Each structure stands twice: as structure tokens, then as C-alpha cells.
């Protein structure tokens, strides 16, 4: 299971050489808005669950709004996901391989409420606290991984690659272990 404490996210609007190497400020998630975070802080919010890399069925109404309770996740992962480890095999250059890979940014977040309920980005956007098992709170990667597994979070070891799978097969692979 990947914990993205300092992995780069090229899409962050604050990305630059200075922002990429910026220090993580103490308790930044409680002191600053999402728009005020530096690159390292933005990345540190990711718990590395991999759920955003799963194929999902998202129904929009005529206004483009999404009822998050109607989002259906499958256990089918992007071709770049290593389903055994839960890591993206080309995270830094993923859009070179998958041009339509969605990059999470502060500006796009309001339209991405299909993210799982435990997602730190979504939770902070909605004014909620980080999950108690989040690495920023535990400061212990092993404890965080164990606690995430205990509450059934993460794709490692339980997803399959989209490679070679047709749309009809994907439709049969809806799961209930990711909750929007």
C-alpha cells in the first residue's frame, strides 16, 4: 500500500522547483486551506489507497452534477496500477502513458466528490477531519497500513488490471468496498 508522503504531483497549481522541495509545515491540514498548501503538503494528504485509479461508473444529471451515493466503483484498475502493491508504476509520468488520467487539483476537487469517503482531499474540502489512521496523524507508516487494512481501505491485492478487459466484463466487477 502506497503512502504518498512526498511523491510528486505535477498537476498541483503551486508546483514549481521551490514548491516541490518545500518543507511540510506542522499541522498544515488544520492551519491552511487546500489552496494554500505547497506541493509537498498536497502530496502528503494522499493516503495511497489507489481507489481513484479504479474504473468507476459515474452518472451525471443534466447539469453535470454527480450524486456521490450513485457512484459505483469496480475492482478494475488503470493499466498503470500494480495490483499486487497498489502503486502506480509510472506515477511521475503517468499522463505520458494515460493521457486522460485525472489529475487532482484544488480547482477540480469540487467536481470530484466521487472520491472515496475516506479521501483526505475530499474530507478537508468538506470541512471534515483526517481519518484517525492517516499517516499525518499516526506518523507511523506500518501502523497506518495496518489500520487501513483493518477498515478495508486500499486496492493492493484486490484489484485487476483493465488491460485486455472489455466493457461488458468491467460492468460485472462492481464492488462495495469503496464508498464515495
N, C-alpha and C. Protein backbone atom coordinates (compact mmCIF):
# COMPACT_ATOMS: atom_id res chain seq x y z
N UNK A 1 0.84 -1.17 0.00
CA UNK A 1 0.00 0.00 0.00
C UNK A 1 0.89 1.24 0.00
N UNK A 2 0.61 2.18 -0.86
CA UNK A 2 1.47 3.34 -1.04
C UNK A 2 1.01 4.50 -0.16
N UNK A 3 1.93 5.06 0.54
CA UNK A 3 1.66 6.27 1.30
C UNK A 3 2.47 7.38 0.67
N UNK A 4 1.80 8.30 0.04
CA UNK A 4 2.46 9.32 -0.77
C UNK A 4 2.91 10.50 0.07
N UNK A 5 3.81 10.29 0.98
CA UNK A 5 4.23 11.39 1.83
C UNK A 5 4.93 12.48 1.04
N UNK A 6 5.77 12.13 0.10
CA UNK A 6 6.48 13.16 -0.66
C UNK A 6 6.56 12.89 -2.15
N UNK A 7 5.69 12.06 -2.68
CA UNK A 7 5.76 11.79 -4.11
C UNK A 7 5.23 12.99 -4.88
N UNK A 8 5.80 13.27 -6.05
CA UNK A 8 5.43 14.47 -6.78
C UNK A 8 4.06 14.38 -7.45
N UNK A 9 3.37 15.47 -7.46
CA UNK A 9 2.11 15.60 -8.18
C UNK A 9 2.27 16.78 -9.11
N UNK A 10 2.54 16.52 -10.37
CA UNK A 10 2.87 17.57 -11.32
C UNK A 10 1.72 18.51 -11.59
N UNK A 11 0.50 18.11 -11.24
CA UNK A 11 -0.65 18.94 -11.58
C UNK A 11 -0.98 19.99 -10.54
N UNK A 12 -0.38 19.92 -9.38
CA UNK A 12 -0.69 20.89 -8.34
C UNK A 12 -0.43 22.29 -8.86
N UNK A 13 -1.40 23.20 -8.73
CA UNK A 13 -1.21 24.53 -9.27
C UNK A 13 -0.03 25.27 -8.64
N UNK A 14 0.42 24.86 -7.49
CA UNK A 14 1.54 25.52 -6.84
C UNK A 14 2.86 24.85 -7.18
N UNK A 15 2.84 23.87 -8.10
CA UNK A 15 4.07 23.16 -8.43
C UNK A 15 5.10 24.10 -9.05
N UNK A 16 6.30 23.98 -8.54
CA UNK A 16 7.47 24.66 -9.08
C UNK A 16 8.65 24.03 -8.39
N UNK A 17 9.83 24.38 -8.79
CA UNK A 17 11.02 23.81 -8.13
C UNK A 17 10.98 24.10 -6.65
N UNK A 18 10.61 25.32 -6.27
CA UNK A 18 10.56 25.67 -4.84
C UNK A 18 9.45 24.92 -4.12
N UNK A 19 8.28 24.85 -4.74
CA UNK A 19 7.15 24.19 -4.08
C UNK A 19 7.39 22.70 -3.94
N UNK A 20 8.03 22.08 -4.93
CA UNK A 20 8.29 20.65 -4.88
C UNK A 20 9.18 20.30 -3.70
N UNK A 21 10.13 21.14 -3.40
CA UNK A 21 11.07 20.88 -2.31
C UNK A 21 10.66 21.54 -1.01
N UNK A 22 9.47 22.12 -0.96
CA UNK A 22 9.04 22.85 0.22
C UNK A 22 8.89 21.93 1.43
N UNK A 23 9.13 22.49 2.56
CA UNK A 23 9.00 21.76 3.81
C UNK A 23 7.53 21.63 4.18
N UNK A 24 7.22 20.50 4.78
CA UNK A 24 5.87 20.29 5.27
C UNK A 24 5.74 21.01 6.61
N UNK A 25 4.79 21.93 6.67
CA UNK A 25 4.58 22.71 7.89
C UNK A 25 3.79 21.89 8.90
N UNK A 26 4.10 22.03 10.19
CA UNK A 26 3.39 21.27 11.22
C UNK A 26 1.88 21.52 11.14
N UNK A 27 1.12 20.44 11.25
CA UNK A 27 -0.34 20.51 11.29
C UNK A 27 -0.93 21.34 10.15
N UNK A 28 -0.28 21.32 9.00
CA UNK A 28 -0.70 22.18 7.88
C UNK A 28 -2.15 21.98 7.50
N UNK A 29 -2.68 20.77 7.62
CA UNK A 29 -4.04 20.47 7.21
C UNK A 29 -5.07 21.15 8.09
N UNK A 30 -4.66 21.58 9.28
CA UNK A 30 -5.59 22.29 10.17
C UNK A 30 -5.39 23.80 10.13
N UNK A 31 -4.30 24.25 9.55
CA UNK A 31 -3.94 25.67 9.60
C UNK A 31 -4.10 26.40 8.27
N UNK A 32 -4.17 25.67 7.18
CA UNK A 32 -4.20 26.30 5.87
C UNK A 32 -5.31 25.71 5.02
N UNK A 33 -5.79 26.49 4.08
CA UNK A 33 -6.77 25.97 3.13
C UNK A 33 -6.04 25.09 2.13
N UNK A 34 -6.79 24.28 1.42
CA UNK A 34 -6.19 23.42 0.39
C UNK A 34 -5.45 24.27 -0.65
N UNK A 35 -5.96 25.42 -0.98
CA UNK A 35 -5.32 26.29 -1.97
C UNK A 35 -4.01 26.88 -1.47
N UNK A 36 -3.80 26.89 -0.17
CA UNK A 36 -2.57 27.45 0.41
C UNK A 36 -1.46 26.43 0.62
N UNK A 37 -1.72 25.17 0.31
CA UNK A 37 -0.73 24.13 0.53
C UNK A 37 0.37 24.17 -0.51
N UNK A 38 1.58 23.85 -0.09
CA UNK A 38 2.67 23.71 -1.05
C UNK A 38 2.59 22.29 -1.64
N UNK A 39 3.41 22.04 -2.61
CA UNK A 39 3.38 20.76 -3.32
C UNK A 39 3.56 19.56 -2.37
N UNK A 40 4.52 19.64 -1.49
CA UNK A 40 4.79 18.52 -0.58
C UNK A 40 3.61 18.28 0.36
N UNK A 41 3.00 19.34 0.82
CA UNK A 41 1.83 19.19 1.70
C UNK A 41 0.66 18.59 0.94
N UNK A 42 0.45 19.06 -0.28
CA UNK A 42 -0.64 18.50 -1.11
C UNK A 42 -0.45 17.00 -1.27
N UNK A 43 0.74 16.59 -1.60
CA UNK A 43 1.03 15.17 -1.79
C UNK A 43 0.90 14.38 -0.49
N UNK A 44 1.26 14.98 0.62
CA UNK A 44 1.21 14.29 1.90
C UNK A 44 -0.22 13.95 2.31
N UNK A 45 -1.18 14.63 1.74
CA UNK A 45 -2.58 14.32 2.06
C UNK A 45 -3.02 12.98 1.49
N UNK A 46 -2.39 12.55 0.40
CA UNK A 46 -2.79 11.29 -0.22
C UNK A 46 -2.43 10.11 0.69
N UNK A 47 -3.42 9.25 0.94
CA UNK A 47 -3.15 8.08 1.77
C UNK A 47 -2.66 6.89 0.95
N UNK A 48 -2.64 7.04 -0.37
CA UNK A 48 -2.11 5.98 -1.23
C UNK A 48 -3.02 4.78 -1.37
N UNK A 49 -4.31 4.95 -1.14
CA UNK A 49 -5.23 3.82 -1.21
C UNK A 49 -5.39 3.28 -2.63
N UNK A 50 -5.24 4.14 -3.65
CA UNK A 50 -5.37 3.72 -5.03
C UNK A 50 -6.79 3.69 -5.56
N UNK A 51 -7.77 4.03 -4.75
CA UNK A 51 -9.17 3.97 -5.18
C UNK A 51 -9.47 4.89 -6.35
N UNK A 52 -8.78 6.02 -6.43
CA UNK A 52 -9.04 6.94 -7.53
C UNK A 52 -8.59 6.35 -8.86
N UNK A 53 -7.78 5.31 -8.84
CA UNK A 53 -7.29 4.67 -10.06
C UNK A 53 -8.17 3.51 -10.52
N UNK A 54 -9.25 3.27 -9.81
CA UNK A 54 -10.18 2.22 -10.20
C UNK A 54 -11.18 2.76 -11.22
N UNK A 55 -11.61 1.89 -12.13
CA UNK A 55 -12.67 2.25 -13.08
C UNK A 55 -13.95 2.39 -12.26
N UNK A 56 -14.68 3.44 -12.55
CA UNK A 56 -15.92 3.68 -11.82
C UNK A 56 -17.00 4.15 -12.77
N UNK A 57 -18.23 3.95 -12.37
CA UNK A 57 -19.38 4.40 -13.15
C UNK A 57 -19.98 5.59 -12.43
N UNK A 58 -19.94 6.73 -13.14
CA UNK A 58 -20.38 7.99 -12.55
C UNK A 58 -21.52 8.54 -13.40
N UNK A 59 -22.69 8.66 -12.83
CA UNK A 59 -23.82 9.22 -13.54
C UNK A 59 -23.95 10.69 -13.19
N UNK A 60 -24.04 11.52 -14.22
CA UNK A 60 -24.23 12.95 -14.03
C UNK A 60 -25.65 13.31 -14.45
N UNK A 61 -26.24 14.29 -13.76
CA UNK A 61 -27.54 14.77 -14.20
C UNK A 61 -27.33 15.76 -15.35
N UNK A 62 -28.41 16.34 -15.84
CA UNK A 62 -28.31 17.23 -17.00
C UNK A 62 -27.47 18.48 -16.72
N UNK A 63 -27.27 18.83 -15.46
CA UNK A 63 -26.43 19.97 -15.11
C UNK A 63 -24.97 19.57 -14.88
N UNK A 64 -24.67 18.28 -15.02
CA UNK A 64 -23.31 17.81 -14.80
C UNK A 64 -23.00 17.49 -13.36
N UNK A 65 -24.01 17.55 -12.49
CA UNK A 65 -23.82 17.24 -11.08
C UNK A 65 -23.83 15.74 -10.86
N UNK A 66 -23.04 15.31 -9.87
CA UNK A 66 -22.93 13.89 -9.56
C UNK A 66 -23.49 13.62 -8.17
N UNK A 67 -24.39 12.66 -8.09
CA UNK A 67 -24.88 12.21 -6.79
C UNK A 67 -23.88 11.15 -6.32
N UNK A 68 -23.05 11.52 -5.35
CA UNK A 68 -21.97 10.61 -4.95
C UNK A 68 -22.49 9.28 -4.44
N UNK A 69 -23.72 9.21 -3.97
CA UNK A 69 -24.25 7.93 -3.49
C UNK A 69 -24.53 6.97 -4.63
N UNK A 70 -24.57 7.48 -5.86
CA UNK A 70 -24.84 6.62 -7.02
C UNK A 70 -23.58 6.19 -7.76
N UNK A 71 -22.42 6.65 -7.33
CA UNK A 71 -21.17 6.26 -7.97
C UNK A 71 -20.88 4.80 -7.65
N UNK A 72 -20.50 4.04 -8.68
CA UNK A 72 -20.17 2.64 -8.48
C UNK A 72 -18.72 2.40 -8.87
N UNK A 73 -17.95 1.88 -7.93
CA UNK A 73 -16.55 1.52 -8.18
C UNK A 73 -16.48 0.07 -8.61
N UNK A 74 -15.53 -0.21 -9.48
CA UNK A 74 -15.23 -1.60 -9.82
C UNK A 74 -13.89 -1.96 -9.19
N UNK A 75 -13.50 -3.20 -9.29
CA UNK A 75 -12.17 -3.61 -8.82
C UNK A 75 -11.19 -3.63 -9.99
N UNK A 76 -11.53 -2.96 -11.07
CA UNK A 76 -10.69 -2.89 -12.27
C UNK A 76 -9.87 -1.61 -12.20
N UNK A 77 -8.57 -1.77 -12.24
CA UNK A 77 -7.66 -0.63 -12.09
C UNK A 77 -7.05 -0.20 -13.41
N UNK A 78 -6.62 1.03 -13.43
CA UNK A 78 -5.88 1.58 -14.56
C UNK A 78 -4.73 0.65 -14.94
N UNK A 79 -4.40 0.65 -16.20
CA UNK A 79 -3.32 -0.21 -16.71
C UNK A 79 -1.98 0.03 -16.03
N UNK A 80 -1.80 1.20 -15.44
CA UNK A 80 -0.52 1.51 -14.78
C UNK A 80 -0.45 1.02 -13.33
N UNK A 81 -1.57 0.62 -12.78
CA UNK A 81 -1.59 0.17 -11.39
C UNK A 81 -0.97 -1.22 -11.26
N UNK A 82 -0.07 -1.35 -10.31
CA UNK A 82 0.43 -2.67 -9.95
C UNK A 82 -0.56 -3.17 -8.90
N UNK A 83 -1.39 -4.09 -9.30
CA UNK A 83 -2.48 -4.53 -8.42
C UNK A 83 -2.00 -5.30 -7.20
N UNK A 84 -0.81 -5.81 -7.24
CA UNK A 84 -0.27 -6.51 -6.08
C UNK A 84 0.15 -5.51 -4.99
N UNK A 85 0.85 -4.45 -5.40
CA UNK A 85 1.37 -3.48 -4.43
C UNK A 85 0.45 -2.29 -4.20
N UNK A 86 -0.42 -1.98 -5.16
CA UNK A 86 -1.27 -0.80 -5.07
C UNK A 86 -0.56 0.47 -5.51
N UNK A 87 0.58 0.35 -6.16
CA UNK A 87 1.35 1.50 -6.64
C UNK A 87 1.11 1.73 -8.12
N UNK A 88 1.10 3.00 -8.51
CA UNK A 88 1.12 3.35 -9.92
C UNK A 88 2.55 3.10 -10.39
N UNK A 89 2.69 2.40 -11.49
CA UNK A 89 4.02 2.03 -11.98
C UNK A 89 4.78 3.19 -12.62
N UNK A 90 4.06 4.26 -12.97
CA UNK A 90 4.69 5.43 -13.61
C UNK A 90 4.04 6.71 -13.08
N UNK A 91 3.96 6.85 -11.79
CA UNK A 91 3.24 7.97 -11.20
C UNK A 91 3.70 9.32 -11.75
N UNK A 92 4.99 9.58 -11.76
CA UNK A 92 5.50 10.88 -12.18
C UNK A 92 5.20 11.20 -13.65
N UNK A 93 5.14 10.18 -14.47
CA UNK A 93 4.94 10.38 -15.91
C UNK A 93 3.67 9.71 -16.41
N UNK A 94 2.73 9.49 -15.53
CA UNK A 94 1.54 8.71 -15.87
C UNK A 94 0.76 9.27 -17.05
N UNK A 95 0.73 10.58 -17.22
CA UNK A 95 -0.05 11.14 -18.32
C UNK A 95 0.62 10.93 -19.67
N UNK A 96 1.87 10.60 -19.66
CA UNK A 96 2.54 10.20 -20.91
C UNK A 96 1.95 8.88 -21.39
N UNK A 97 1.63 8.00 -20.46
CA UNK A 97 1.10 6.68 -20.77
C UNK A 97 -0.43 6.67 -20.86
N UNK A 98 -1.07 7.44 -19.98
CA UNK A 98 -2.52 7.51 -19.91
C UNK A 98 -2.91 8.99 -19.96
N UNK A 99 -3.04 9.55 -21.16
CA UNK A 99 -3.28 10.98 -21.30
C UNK A 99 -4.53 11.49 -20.58
N UNK A 100 -5.54 10.64 -20.42
CA UNK A 100 -6.75 11.11 -19.75
C UNK A 100 -6.77 10.80 -18.25
N UNK A 101 -5.62 10.46 -17.70
CA UNK A 101 -5.53 10.26 -16.25
C UNK A 101 -5.96 11.56 -15.57
N UNK A 102 -6.88 11.46 -14.65
CA UNK A 102 -7.39 12.65 -13.97
C UNK A 102 -6.39 13.09 -12.92
N UNK A 103 -5.99 14.34 -13.01
CA UNK A 103 -5.08 14.90 -12.01
C UNK A 103 -5.90 15.69 -11.00
N UNK A 104 -5.77 15.32 -9.76
CA UNK A 104 -6.50 16.00 -8.70
C UNK A 104 -5.83 17.34 -8.40
N UNK A 105 -6.60 18.40 -8.53
CA UNK A 105 -6.12 19.74 -8.20
C UNK A 105 -7.16 20.43 -7.33
N UNK A 106 -6.78 21.50 -6.70
CA UNK A 106 -7.71 22.27 -5.88
C UNK A 106 -8.90 22.72 -6.73
N UNK A 107 -8.63 23.17 -7.93
CA UNK A 107 -9.71 23.66 -8.79
C UNK A 107 -10.67 22.57 -9.24
N UNK A 108 -10.17 21.36 -9.44
CA UNK A 108 -11.01 20.25 -9.90
C UNK A 108 -11.75 19.54 -8.76
N UNK A 109 -11.28 19.70 -7.55
CA UNK A 109 -11.81 18.96 -6.41
C UNK A 109 -13.33 19.08 -6.25
N UNK A 110 -13.92 20.26 -6.39
CA UNK A 110 -15.39 20.33 -6.22
C UNK A 110 -16.16 19.42 -7.17
N UNK A 111 -15.59 19.10 -8.31
CA UNK A 111 -16.25 18.23 -9.28
C UNK A 111 -15.84 16.77 -9.12
N UNK A 112 -15.11 16.46 -8.05
CA UNK A 112 -14.61 15.10 -7.86
C UNK A 112 -15.11 14.50 -6.54
N UNK A 113 -16.35 14.78 -6.22
CA UNK A 113 -16.90 14.24 -4.97
C UNK A 113 -17.18 12.75 -5.06
N UNK A 114 -16.85 12.15 -6.20
CA UNK A 114 -16.90 10.70 -6.34
C UNK A 114 -15.72 10.03 -5.63
N UNK A 115 -14.75 10.84 -5.19
CA UNK A 115 -13.62 10.26 -4.44
C UNK A 115 -14.16 9.52 -3.23
N UNK A 116 -13.43 8.54 -2.73
CA UNK A 116 -13.94 7.76 -1.59
C UNK A 116 -14.12 8.63 -0.34
N UNK A 117 -15.04 8.22 0.51
CA UNK A 117 -15.37 8.97 1.72
C UNK A 117 -14.17 9.19 2.63
N UNK A 118 -13.19 8.30 2.60
CA UNK A 118 -12.02 8.43 3.47
C UNK A 118 -10.95 9.35 2.90
N UNK A 119 -11.10 9.78 1.65
CA UNK A 119 -10.08 10.58 0.97
C UNK A 119 -9.84 11.90 1.71
N UNK A 120 -8.59 12.15 2.07
CA UNK A 120 -8.25 13.36 2.83
C UNK A 120 -8.60 14.62 2.06
N UNK A 121 -8.38 14.63 0.75
CA UNK A 121 -8.70 15.82 -0.04
C UNK A 121 -10.19 16.14 0.07
N UNK A 122 -11.01 15.12 -0.14
CA UNK A 122 -12.46 15.29 -0.07
C UNK A 122 -12.89 15.68 1.34
N UNK A 123 -12.35 15.01 2.33
CA UNK A 123 -12.73 15.29 3.72
C UNK A 123 -12.38 16.74 4.10
N UNK A 124 -11.19 17.18 3.78
CA UNK A 124 -10.81 18.55 4.13
C UNK A 124 -11.64 19.56 3.35
N UNK A 125 -11.92 19.28 2.10
CA UNK A 125 -12.77 20.15 1.29
C UNK A 125 -14.15 20.31 1.94
N UNK A 126 -14.66 19.21 2.52
CA UNK A 126 -15.97 19.22 3.15
C UNK A 126 -15.93 19.68 4.62
N UNK A 127 -14.76 20.07 5.10
CA UNK A 127 -14.64 20.55 6.47
C UNK A 127 -14.55 19.43 7.50
N UNK A 128 -14.20 18.24 7.07
CA UNK A 128 -14.09 17.09 7.97
C UNK A 128 -12.63 16.87 8.35
N UNK A 129 -12.42 16.13 9.41
CA UNK A 129 -11.07 15.81 9.89
C UNK A 129 -10.47 14.67 9.07
N UNK A 130 -9.16 14.53 9.15
CA UNK A 130 -8.49 13.37 8.55
C UNK A 130 -8.94 12.11 9.27
N UNK A 131 -8.95 10.98 8.57
CA UNK A 131 -9.26 9.72 9.25
C UNK A 131 -8.20 9.45 10.32
N UNK A 132 -8.58 8.83 11.41
CA UNK A 132 -7.67 8.61 12.54
C UNK A 132 -6.43 7.81 12.17
N UNK A 133 -6.51 7.01 11.11
CA UNK A 133 -5.39 6.17 10.69
C UNK A 133 -4.43 6.87 9.73
N UNK A 134 -4.73 8.10 9.33
CA UNK A 134 -3.92 8.78 8.32
C UNK A 134 -2.48 8.95 8.80
N UNK A 135 -1.53 8.77 7.90
CA UNK A 135 -0.10 8.87 8.22
C UNK A 135 0.27 10.20 8.87
N UNK A 136 -0.36 11.27 8.46
CA UNK A 136 -0.06 12.57 9.06
C UNK A 136 -0.41 12.60 10.55
N UNK A 137 -1.34 11.76 10.96
CA UNK A 137 -1.72 11.68 12.37
C UNK A 137 -0.93 10.63 13.13
N UNK A 138 -0.76 9.46 12.51
CA UNK A 138 -0.07 8.38 13.22
C UNK A 138 1.44 8.55 13.22
N UNK A 139 1.97 9.18 12.17
CA UNK A 139 3.42 9.32 11.98
C UNK A 139 4.12 7.96 11.94
N UNK A 140 3.38 6.91 11.60
CA UNK A 140 3.91 5.55 11.58
C UNK A 140 3.31 4.82 10.38
N UNK A 141 4.11 4.64 9.33
CA UNK A 141 3.62 4.04 8.09
C UNK A 141 3.07 2.63 8.30
N UNK A 142 3.73 1.84 9.13
CA UNK A 142 3.27 0.47 9.36
C UNK A 142 1.92 0.49 10.08
N UNK A 143 1.80 1.32 11.10
CA UNK A 143 0.53 1.42 11.83
C UNK A 143 -0.58 1.91 10.90
N UNK A 144 -0.27 2.88 10.07
CA UNK A 144 -1.26 3.39 9.12
C UNK A 144 -1.71 2.29 8.18
N UNK A 145 -0.76 1.55 7.61
CA UNK A 145 -1.12 0.46 6.70
C UNK A 145 -1.98 -0.58 7.39
N UNK A 146 -1.63 -0.95 8.59
CA UNK A 146 -2.40 -1.94 9.34
C UNK A 146 -3.82 -1.44 9.62
N UNK A 147 -3.92 -0.18 10.02
CA UNK A 147 -5.23 0.38 10.32
C UNK A 147 -6.09 0.53 9.06
N UNK A 148 -5.45 0.88 7.94
CA UNK A 148 -6.19 0.97 6.68
C UNK A 148 -6.73 -0.40 6.29
N UNK A 149 -5.91 -1.41 6.40
CA UNK A 149 -6.38 -2.77 6.08
C UNK A 149 -7.51 -3.19 7.02
N UNK A 150 -7.39 -2.82 8.29
CA UNK A 150 -8.41 -3.20 9.28
C UNK A 150 -9.77 -2.59 8.95
N UNK A 151 -9.78 -1.41 8.33
CA UNK A 151 -11.04 -0.77 7.96
C UNK A 151 -11.35 -0.94 6.47
N UNK A 152 -10.65 -1.88 5.83
CA UNK A 152 -10.95 -2.31 4.47
C UNK A 152 -10.69 -1.23 3.41
N UNK A 153 -9.58 -0.50 3.56
CA UNK A 153 -9.24 0.56 2.62
C UNK A 153 -7.98 0.20 1.85
N UNK A 154 -8.04 0.38 0.53
CA UNK A 154 -6.88 0.16 -0.33
C UNK A 154 -7.13 -0.90 -1.38
N UNK A 155 -6.48 -0.72 -2.53
CA UNK A 155 -6.69 -1.64 -3.66
C UNK A 155 -5.65 -2.75 -3.74
N UNK A 156 -4.54 -2.60 -3.03
CA UNK A 156 -3.45 -3.58 -3.12
C UNK A 156 -3.96 -4.99 -2.83
N UNK A 157 -3.69 -5.89 -3.77
CA UNK A 157 -4.07 -7.29 -3.59
C UNK A 157 -5.52 -7.60 -3.90
N UNK A 158 -6.29 -6.61 -4.34
CA UNK A 158 -7.68 -6.92 -4.63
C UNK A 158 -8.26 -6.18 -5.83
N UNK A 159 -7.39 -5.84 -6.75
CA UNK A 159 -7.86 -5.25 -8.00
C UNK A 159 -7.27 -6.05 -9.15
N UNK A 160 -7.82 -5.83 -10.34
CA UNK A 160 -7.32 -6.45 -11.56
C UNK A 160 -7.08 -5.35 -12.58
N UNK A 161 -6.17 -5.57 -13.49
CA UNK A 161 -5.85 -4.57 -14.49
C UNK A 161 -6.92 -4.50 -15.57
N UNK A 162 -7.10 -3.30 -16.08
CA UNK A 162 -8.02 -3.10 -17.20
C UNK A 162 -7.49 -3.67 -18.50
N UNK A 163 -6.20 -3.98 -18.55
CA UNK A 163 -5.57 -4.47 -19.76
C UNK A 163 -6.26 -5.76 -20.23
N UNK A 164 -6.76 -5.72 -21.45
CA UNK A 164 -7.41 -6.89 -22.04
C UNK A 164 -8.84 -7.10 -21.61
N UNK A 165 -9.38 -6.22 -20.81
CA UNK A 165 -10.75 -6.39 -20.32
C UNK A 165 -11.70 -5.54 -21.16
N UNK A 166 -12.83 -6.12 -21.54
CA UNK A 166 -13.78 -5.32 -22.31
C UNK A 166 -14.82 -4.69 -21.38
N UNK A 167 -15.58 -3.76 -21.93
CA UNK A 167 -16.55 -3.00 -21.14
C UNK A 167 -17.58 -3.90 -20.46
N UNK A 168 -18.01 -4.94 -21.15
CA UNK A 168 -19.01 -5.84 -20.58
C UNK A 168 -18.46 -6.56 -19.35
N UNK A 169 -17.20 -6.98 -19.42
CA UNK A 169 -16.59 -7.64 -18.26
C UNK A 169 -16.48 -6.66 -17.08
N UNK A 170 -16.09 -5.41 -17.38
CA UNK A 170 -15.94 -4.41 -16.31
C UNK A 170 -17.26 -4.18 -15.58
N UNK A 171 -18.35 -4.18 -16.31
CA UNK A 171 -19.65 -3.92 -15.71
C UNK A 171 -20.03 -4.97 -14.66
N UNK A 172 -19.45 -6.14 -14.74
CA UNK A 172 -19.76 -7.21 -13.78
C UNK A 172 -18.87 -7.15 -12.54
N UNK A 173 -17.96 -6.18 -12.48
CA UNK A 173 -16.95 -6.15 -11.43
C UNK A 173 -17.17 -5.01 -10.43
N UNK A 174 -18.40 -4.55 -10.27
CA UNK A 174 -18.72 -3.51 -9.29
C UNK A 174 -18.50 -4.09 -7.90
N UNK A 175 -17.87 -3.28 -7.04
CA UNK A 175 -17.56 -3.71 -5.67
C UNK A 175 -18.22 -2.76 -4.67
N UNK A 176 -18.31 -3.21 -3.45
CA UNK A 176 -18.90 -2.36 -2.41
C UNK A 176 -17.89 -2.00 -1.33
N UNK A 177 -16.61 -2.24 -1.56
CA UNK A 177 -15.60 -1.93 -0.56
C UNK A 177 -14.98 -0.54 -0.74
N UNK A 178 -15.45 0.22 -1.71
CA UNK A 178 -15.08 1.62 -1.83
C UNK A 178 -16.36 2.43 -1.72
N UNK A 179 -16.40 3.31 -0.75
CA UNK A 179 -17.61 4.09 -0.52
C UNK A 179 -17.36 5.56 -0.86
N UNK A 180 -18.11 6.09 -1.84
CA UNK A 180 -17.94 7.50 -2.19
C UNK A 180 -18.45 8.44 -1.08
